[in-house]
Amino acid sequence: MRATKKRAVWQVNLHSVKVTYKGVRRTMRLCTKCLRKVKEQMKKPEGKKNQETVITPTVKETTPIASA
């Protein structure tokens, strides 16, 4: 008798990495996609890493409502 085929279940590829998070050095389990993003941020110069870009939403002007 043959074993029945089951659907493959894909697991997340996690790695234990020491990361500085909110000023505290800690070991975290990160997926490979997140790990690449963290490494990219660490390569940036120190001056640019601390600057945050503030995005202000644009508000459309409302049209005057005609009263009846």
PDB file of N, CA and C in Angstrom:
ATOM      1  N   MET A   1       0.821  -1.175   0.000  1.00  0.00           N
ATOM      2  CA  MET A   1       0.000   0.000   0.000  1.00  0.00           C
ATOM      3  C   MET A   1       0.876   1.254   0.000  1.00  0.00           C
ATOM      4  N   ARG A   2       0.444   2.273  -0.720  1.00  0.00           N
ATOM      5  CA  ARG A   2       1.194   3.528  -0.806  1.00  0.00           C
ATOM      6  C   ARG A   2       0.710   4.551   0.205  1.00  0.00           C
ATOM      7  N   ALA A   3       1.620   5.404   0.648  1.00  0.00           N
ATOM      8  CA  ALA A   3       1.236   6.497   1.548  1.00  0.00           C
ATOM      9  C   ALA A   3       0.498   7.566   0.749  1.00  0.00           C
ATOM     10  N   THR A   4      -0.480   8.173   1.366  1.00  0.00           N
ATOM     11  CA  THR A   4      -1.238   9.217   0.679  1.00  0.00           C
ATOM     12  C   THR A   4      -0.392  10.472   0.565  1.00  0.00           C
ATOM     13  N   LYS A   5      -0.594  11.203  -0.530  1.00  0.00           N
ATOM     14  CA  LYS A   5       0.159  12.446  -0.736  1.00  0.00           C
ATOM     15  C   LYS A   5      -0.450  13.546   0.115  1.00  0.00           C
ATOM     16  N   LYS A   6       0.387  14.300   0.759  1.00  0.00           N
ATOM     17  CA  LYS A   6      -0.068  15.432   1.562  1.00  0.00           C
ATOM     18  C   LYS A   6       0.484  16.704   0.948  1.00  0.00           C
ATOM     19  N   ARG A   7      -0.226  17.767   1.141  1.00  0.00           N
ATOM     20  CA  ARG A   7       0.247  19.055   0.654  1.00  0.00           C
ATOM     21  C   ARG A   7       1.472  19.489   1.458  1.00  0.00           C
ATOM     22  N   ALA A   8       2.430  20.062   0.767  1.00  0.00           N
ATOM     23  CA  ALA A   8       3.646  20.525   1.437  1.00  0.00           C
ATOM     24  C   ALA A   8       3.327  21.765   2.259  1.00  0.00           C
ATOM     25  N   VAL A   9       3.812  21.818   3.476  1.00  0.00           N
ATOM     26  CA  VAL A   9       3.631  22.968   4.346  1.00  0.00           C
ATOM     27  C   VAL A   9       4.963  23.685   4.440  1.00  0.00           C
ATOM     28  N   TRP A  10       4.985  24.937   4.020  1.00  0.00           N
ATOM     29  CA  TRP A  10       6.223  25.702   4.016  1.00  0.00           C
ATOM     30  C   TRP A  10       6.388  26.420   5.339  1.00  0.00           C
ATOM     31  N   GLN A  11       7.520  26.190   5.974  1.00  0.00           N
ATOM     32  CA  GLN A  11       7.829  26.825   7.249  1.00  0.00           C
ATOM     33  C   GLN A  11       8.666  28.090   7.007  1.00  0.00           C
ATOM     34  N   VAL A  12       8.615  29.000   7.924  1.00  0.00           N
ATOM     35  CA  VAL A  12       9.387  30.228   7.852  1.00  0.00           C
ATOM     36  C   VAL A  12      10.848  29.914   8.157  1.00  0.00           C
ATOM     37  N   ASN A  13      11.764  30.532   7.411  1.00  0.00           N
ATOM     38  CA  ASN A  13      13.192  30.309   7.602  1.00  0.00           C
ATOM     39  C   ASN A  13      13.699  31.304   8.650  1.00  0.00           C
ATOM     40  N   LEU A  14      13.755  30.874   9.917  1.00  0.00           N
ATOM     41  CA  LEU A  14      14.144  31.762  11.017  1.00  0.00           C
ATOM     42  C   LEU A  14      15.600  31.554  11.404  1.00  0.00           C
ATOM     43  N   HIS A  15      16.258  32.672  11.774  1.00  0.00           N
ATOM     44  CA  HIS A  15      17.643  32.637  12.230  1.00  0.00           C
ATOM     45  C   HIS A  15      17.727  33.411  13.537  1.00  0.00           C
ATOM     46  N   SER A  16      18.516  32.909  14.484  1.00  0.00           N
ATOM     47  CA  SER A  16      18.750  33.628  15.737  1.00  0.00           C
ATOM     48  C   SER A  16      19.856  34.641  15.511  1.00  0.00           C
ATOM     49  N   VAL A  17      19.546  35.915  15.754  1.00  0.00           N
ATOM     50  CA  VAL A  17      20.472  37.008  15.473  1.00  0.00           C
ATOM     51  C   VAL A  17      20.465  37.974  16.648  1.00  0.00           C
ATOM     52  N   LYS A  18      21.638  38.510  16.989  1.00  0.00           N
ATOM     53  CA  LYS A  18      21.707  39.549  18.012  1.00  0.00           C
ATOM     54  C   LYS A  18      21.473  40.889  17.341  1.00  0.00           C
ATOM     55  N   VAL A  19      20.449  41.615  17.818  1.00  0.00           N
ATOM     56  CA  VAL A  19      20.024  42.869  17.211  1.00  0.00           C
ATOM     57  C   VAL A  19      19.882  43.924  18.287  1.00  0.00           C
ATOM     58  N   THR A  20      20.209  45.173  17.948  1.00  0.00           N
ATOM     59  CA  THR A  20      19.955  46.285  18.846  1.00  0.00           C
ATOM     60  C   THR A  20      18.558  46.799  18.550  1.00  0.00           C
ATOM     61  N   TYR A  21      17.631  46.607  19.482  1.00  0.00           N
ATOM     62  CA  TYR A  21      16.241  46.984  19.306  1.00  0.00           C
ATOM     63  C   TYR A  21      15.837  47.933  20.416  1.00  0.00           C
ATOM     64  N   LYS A  22      15.456  49.147  20.059  1.00  0.00           N
ATOM     65  CA  LYS A  22      15.084  50.204  21.014  1.00  0.00           C
ATOM     66  C   LYS A  22      16.192  50.443  22.036  1.00  0.00           C
ATOM     67  N   GLY A  23      17.443  50.427  21.568  1.00  0.00           N
ATOM     68  CA  GLY A  23      18.579  50.714  22.422  1.00  0.00           C
ATOM     69  C   GLY A  23      19.056  49.553  23.269  1.00  0.00           C
ATOM     70  N   VAL A  24      18.432  48.385  23.150  1.00  0.00           N
ATOM     71  CA  VAL A  24      18.807  47.222  23.950  1.00  0.00           C
ATOM     72  C   VAL A  24      19.284  46.119  23.004  1.00  0.00           C
ATOM     73  N   ARG A  25      20.422  45.538  23.313  1.00  0.00           N
ATOM     74  CA  ARG A  25      20.972  44.442  22.509  1.00  0.00           C
ATOM     75  C   ARG A  25      20.299  43.148  22.938  1.00  0.00           C
ATOM     76  N   ARG A  26      19.639  42.465  21.998  1.00  0.00           N
ATOM     77  CA  ARG A  26      18.937  41.240  22.353  1.00  0.00           C
ATOM     78  C   ARG A  26      18.973  40.244  21.212  1.00  0.00           C
ATOM     79  N   THR A  27      18.775  38.986  21.529  1.00  0.00           N
ATOM     80  CA  THR A  27      18.736  37.932  20.528  1.00  0.00           C
ATOM     81  C   THR A  27      17.297  37.776  20.059  1.00  0.00           C
ATOM     82  N   MET A  28      17.112  37.839  18.739  1.00  0.00           N
ATOM     83  CA  MET A  28      15.781  37.694  18.161  1.00  0.00           C
ATOM     84  C   MET A  28      15.827  36.643  17.071  1.00  0.00           C
ATOM     85  N   ARG A  29      14.702  36.047  16.809  1.00  0.00           N
ATOM     86  CA  ARG A  29      14.589  35.110  15.695  1.00  0.00           C
ATOM     87  C   ARG A  29      13.933  35.849  14.543  1.00  0.00           C
ATOM     88  N   LEU A  30      14.697  36.076  13.476  1.00  0.00           N
ATOM     89  CA  LEU A  30      14.215  36.832  12.330  1.00  0.00           C
ATOM     90  C   LEU A  30      14.142  35.945  11.105  1.00  0.00           C
ATOM     91  N   CYS A  31      13.147  36.204  10.257  1.00  0.00           N
ATOM     92  CA  CYS A  31      13.086  35.501   8.984  1.00  0.00           C
ATOM     93  C   CYS A  31      14.151  36.099   8.065  1.00  0.00           C
ATOM     94  N   THR A  32      14.484  35.417   7.008  1.00  0.00           N
ATOM     95  CA  THR A  32      15.578  35.857   6.141  1.00  0.00           C
ATOM     96  C   THR A  32      15.264  37.192   5.476  1.00  0.00           C
ATOM     97  N   LYS A  33      14.008  37.444   5.143  1.00  0.00           N
ATOM     98  CA  LYS A  33      13.628  38.718   4.522  1.00  0.00           C
ATOM     99  C   LYS A  33      13.877  39.873   5.496  1.00  0.00           C
ATOM    100  N   CYS A  34      13.465  39.701   6.750  1.00  0.00           N
ATOM    101  CA  CYS A  34      13.678  40.729   7.774  1.00  0.00           C
ATOM    102  C   CYS A  34      15.169  40.896   8.061  1.00  0.00           C
ATOM    103  N   LEU A  35      15.898  39.805   8.050  1.00  0.00           N
ATOM    104  CA  LEU A  35      17.328  39.836   8.328  1.00  0.00           C
ATOM    105  C   LEU A  35      18.051  40.669   7.277  1.00  0.00           C
ATOM    106  N   ARG A  36      17.658  40.521   6.010  1.00  0.00           N
ATOM    107  CA  ARG A  36      18.262  41.322   4.942  1.00  0.00           C
ATOM    108  C   ARG A  36      17.994  42.801   5.150  1.00  0.00           C
ATOM    109  N   LYS A  37      16.771  43.144   5.585  1.00  0.00           N
ATOM    110  CA  LYS A  37      16.424  44.549   5.824  1.00  0.00           C
ATOM    111  C   LYS A  37      17.251  45.125   6.970  1.00  0.00           C
ATOM    112  N   VAL A  38      17.450  44.338   8.027  1.00  0.00           N
ATOM    113  CA  VAL A  38      18.224  44.795   9.186  1.00  0.00           C
ATOM    114  C   VAL A  38      19.679  45.027   8.783  1.00  0.00           C
ATOM    115  N   LYS A  39      20.242  44.100   8.014  1.00  0.00           N
ATOM    116  CA  LYS A  39      21.625  44.247   7.572  1.00  0.00           C
ATOM    117  C   LYS A  39      21.791  45.484   6.696  1.00  0.00           C
ATOM    118  N   GLU A  40      20.797  45.750   5.848  1.00  0.00           N
ATOM    119  CA  GLU A  40      20.843  46.920   4.978  1.00  0.00           C
ATOM    120  C   GLU A  40      20.822  48.204   5.800  1.00  0.00           C
ATOM    121  N   GLN A  41      20.001  48.235   6.863  1.00  0.00           N
ATOM    122  CA  GLN A  41      19.924  49.413   7.726  1.00  0.00           C
ATOM    123  C   GLN A  41      21.229  49.623   8.484  1.00  0.00           C
ATOM    124  N   MET A  42      21.901  48.534   8.865  1.00  0.00           N
ATOM    125  CA  MET A  42      23.138  48.653   9.615  1.00  0.00           C
ATOM    126  C   MET A  42      24.274  49.166   8.739  1.00  0.00           C
ATOM    127  N   LYS A  43      24.213  48.943   7.434  1.00  0.00           N
ATOM    128  CA  LYS A  43      25.257  49.413   6.526  1.00  0.00           C
ATOM    129  C   LYS A  43      25.196  50.917   6.313  1.00  0.00           C
ATOM    130  N   LYS A  44      24.012  51.530   6.503  1.00  0.00           N
ATOM    131  CA  LYS A  44      23.849  52.970   6.293  1.00  0.00           C
ATOM    132  C   LYS A  44      24.686  53.732   7.309  1.00  0.00           C
ATOM    133  N   PRO A  45      25.143  54.944   6.922  1.00  0.00           N
ATOM    134  CA  PRO A  45      25.906  55.770   7.873  1.00  0.00           C
ATOM    135  C   PRO A  45      25.067  56.114   9.096  1.00  0.00           C
ATOM    136  N   GLU A  46      25.751  56.335  10.213  1.00  0.00           N
ATOM    137  CA  GLU A  46      25.080  56.600  11.486  1.00  0.00           C
ATOM    138  C   GLU A  46      24.198  57.844  11.430  1.00  0.00           C
ATOM    139  N   GLY A  47      24.622  58.879  10.710  1.00  0.00           N
ATOM    140  CA  GLY A  47      23.857  60.116  10.652  1.00  0.00           C
ATOM    141  C   GLY A  47      22.503  59.937  10.007  1.00  0.00           C
ATOM    142  N   LYS A  48      22.425  59.126   8.979  1.00  0.00           N
ATOM    143  CA  LYS A  48      21.171  58.944   8.274  1.00  0.00           C
ATOM    144  C   LYS A  48      20.249  57.953   8.964  1.00  0.00           C
ATOM    145  N   LYS A  49      20.798  57.055   9.773  1.00  0.00           N
ATOM    146  CA  LYS A  49      19.981  56.026  10.400  1.00  0.00           C
ATOM    147  C   LYS A  49      19.030  56.628  11.429  1.00  0.00           C
ATOM    148  N   ASN A  50      19.474  57.662  12.142  1.00  0.00           N
ATOM    149  CA  ASN A  50      18.656  58.225  13.203  1.00  0.00           C
ATOM    150  C   ASN A  50      17.630  59.227  12.695  1.00  0.00           C
ATOM    151  N   GLN A  51      17.794  59.718  11.470  1.00  0.00           N
ATOM    152  CA  GLN A  51      16.849  60.682  10.936  1.00  0.00           C
ATOM    153  C   GLN A  51      15.603  59.952  10.447  1.00  0.00           C
ATOM    154  N   GLU A  52      14.465  60.468  10.839  1.00  0.00           N
ATOM    155  CA  GLU A  52      13.211  59.888  10.392  1.00  0.00           C
ATOM    156  C   GLU A  52      12.566  60.848   9.401  1.00  0.00           C
ATOM    157  N   THR A  53      12.028  60.310   8.330  1.00  0.00           N
ATOM    158  CA  THR A  53      11.345  61.150   7.374  1.00  0.00           C
ATOM    159  C   THR A  53       9.889  61.248   7.795  1.00  0.00           C
ATOM    160  N   VAL A  54       9.411  62.466   7.887  1.00  0.00           N
ATOM    161  CA  VAL A  54       8.038  62.705   8.300  1.00  0.00           C
ATOM    162  C   VAL A  54       7.206  62.905   7.046  1.00  0.00           C
ATOM    163  N   ILE A  55       6.210  62.067   6.875  1.00  0.00           N
ATOM    164  CA  ILE A  55       5.335  62.160   5.722  1.00  0.00           C
ATOM    165  C   ILE A  55       4.020  62.759   6.190  1.00  0.00           C
ATOM    166  N   THR A  56       3.697  63.911   5.611  1.00  0.00           N
ATOM    167  CA  THR A  56       2.443  64.554   5.978  1.00  0.00           C
ATOM    168  C   THR A  56       1.413  64.246   4.912  1.00  0.00           C
ATOM    169  N   PRO A  57       0.237  63.812   5.304  1.00  0.00           N
ATOM    170  CA  PRO A  57      -0.789  63.495   4.318  1.00  0.00           C
ATOM    171  C   PRO A  57      -1.358  64.767   3.700  1.00  0.00           C
ATOM    172  N   THR A  58      -1.666  64.689   2.420  1.00  0.00           N
ATOM    173  CA  THR A  58      -2.272  65.841   1.755  1.00  0.00           C
ATOM    174  C   THR A  58      -3.778  65.741   1.909  1.00  0.00           C
ATOM    175  N   VAL A  59      -4.392  66.845   2.332  1.00  0.00           N
ATOM    176  CA  VAL A  59      -5.825  66.869   2.569  1.00  0.00           C
ATOM    177  C   VAL A  59      -6.476  67.648   1.443  1.00  0.00           C
ATOM    178  N   LYS A  60      -7.462  67.034   0.808  1.00  0.00           N
ATOM    179  CA  LYS A  60      -8.175  67.714  -0.262  1.00  0.00           C
ATOM    180  C   LYS A  60      -9.107  68.753   0.344  1.00  0.00           C
ATOM    181  N   GLU A  61      -9.210  69.881  -0.348  1.00  0.00           N
ATOM    182  CA  GLU A  61     -10.112  70.905   0.144  1.00  0.00           C
ATOM    183  C   GLU A  61     -11.544  70.464  -0.136  1.00  0.00           C
ATOM    184  N   THR A  62     -12.408  70.685   0.843  1.00  0.00           N
ATOM    185  CA  THR A  62     -13.802  70.272   0.671  1.00  0.00           C
ATOM    186  C   THR A  62     -14.548  71.320  -0.121  1.00  0.00           C
ATOM    187  N   THR A  63     -15.474  70.868  -0.922  1.00  0.00           N
ATOM    188  CA  THR A  63     -16.291  71.792  -1.689  1.00  0.00           C
ATOM    189  C   THR A  63     -17.420  72.306  -0.804  1.00  0.00           C
ATOM    190  N   PRO A  64     -17.800  73.562  -0.974  1.00  0.00           N
ATOM    191  CA  PRO A  64     -18.869  74.091  -0.125  1.00  0.00           C
ATOM    192  C   PRO A  64     -20.183  73.357  -0.413  1.00  0.00           C
ATOM    193  N   ILE A  65     -20.890  73.038   0.657  1.00  0.00           N
ATOM    194  CA  ILE A  65     -22.148  72.304   0.521  1.00  0.00           C
ATOM    195  C   ILE A  65     -23.283  73.324   0.400  1.00  0.00           C
ATOM    196  N   ALA A  66     -24.073  73.134  -0.644  1.00  0.00           N
ATOM    197  CA  ALA A  66     -25.205  74.051  -0.865  1.00  0.00           C
ATOM    198  C   ALA A  66     -26.329  73.682   0.076  1.00  0.00           C
ATOM    199  N   SER A  67     -26.817  74.665   0.821  1.00  0.00           N
ATOM    200  CA  SER A  67     -27.915  74.385   1.752  1.00  0.00           C
ATOM    201  C   SER A  67     -29.246  74.577   1.033  1.00  0.00           C
ATOM    202  N   ALA A  68     -30.223  73.777   1.400  1.00  0.00           N
ATOM    203  CA  ALA A  68     -31.520  73.833   0.707  1.00  0.00           C
ATOM    204  C   ALA A  68     -32.436  74.866   1.278  1.00  0.00           C
TER     205      ALA A  68
END
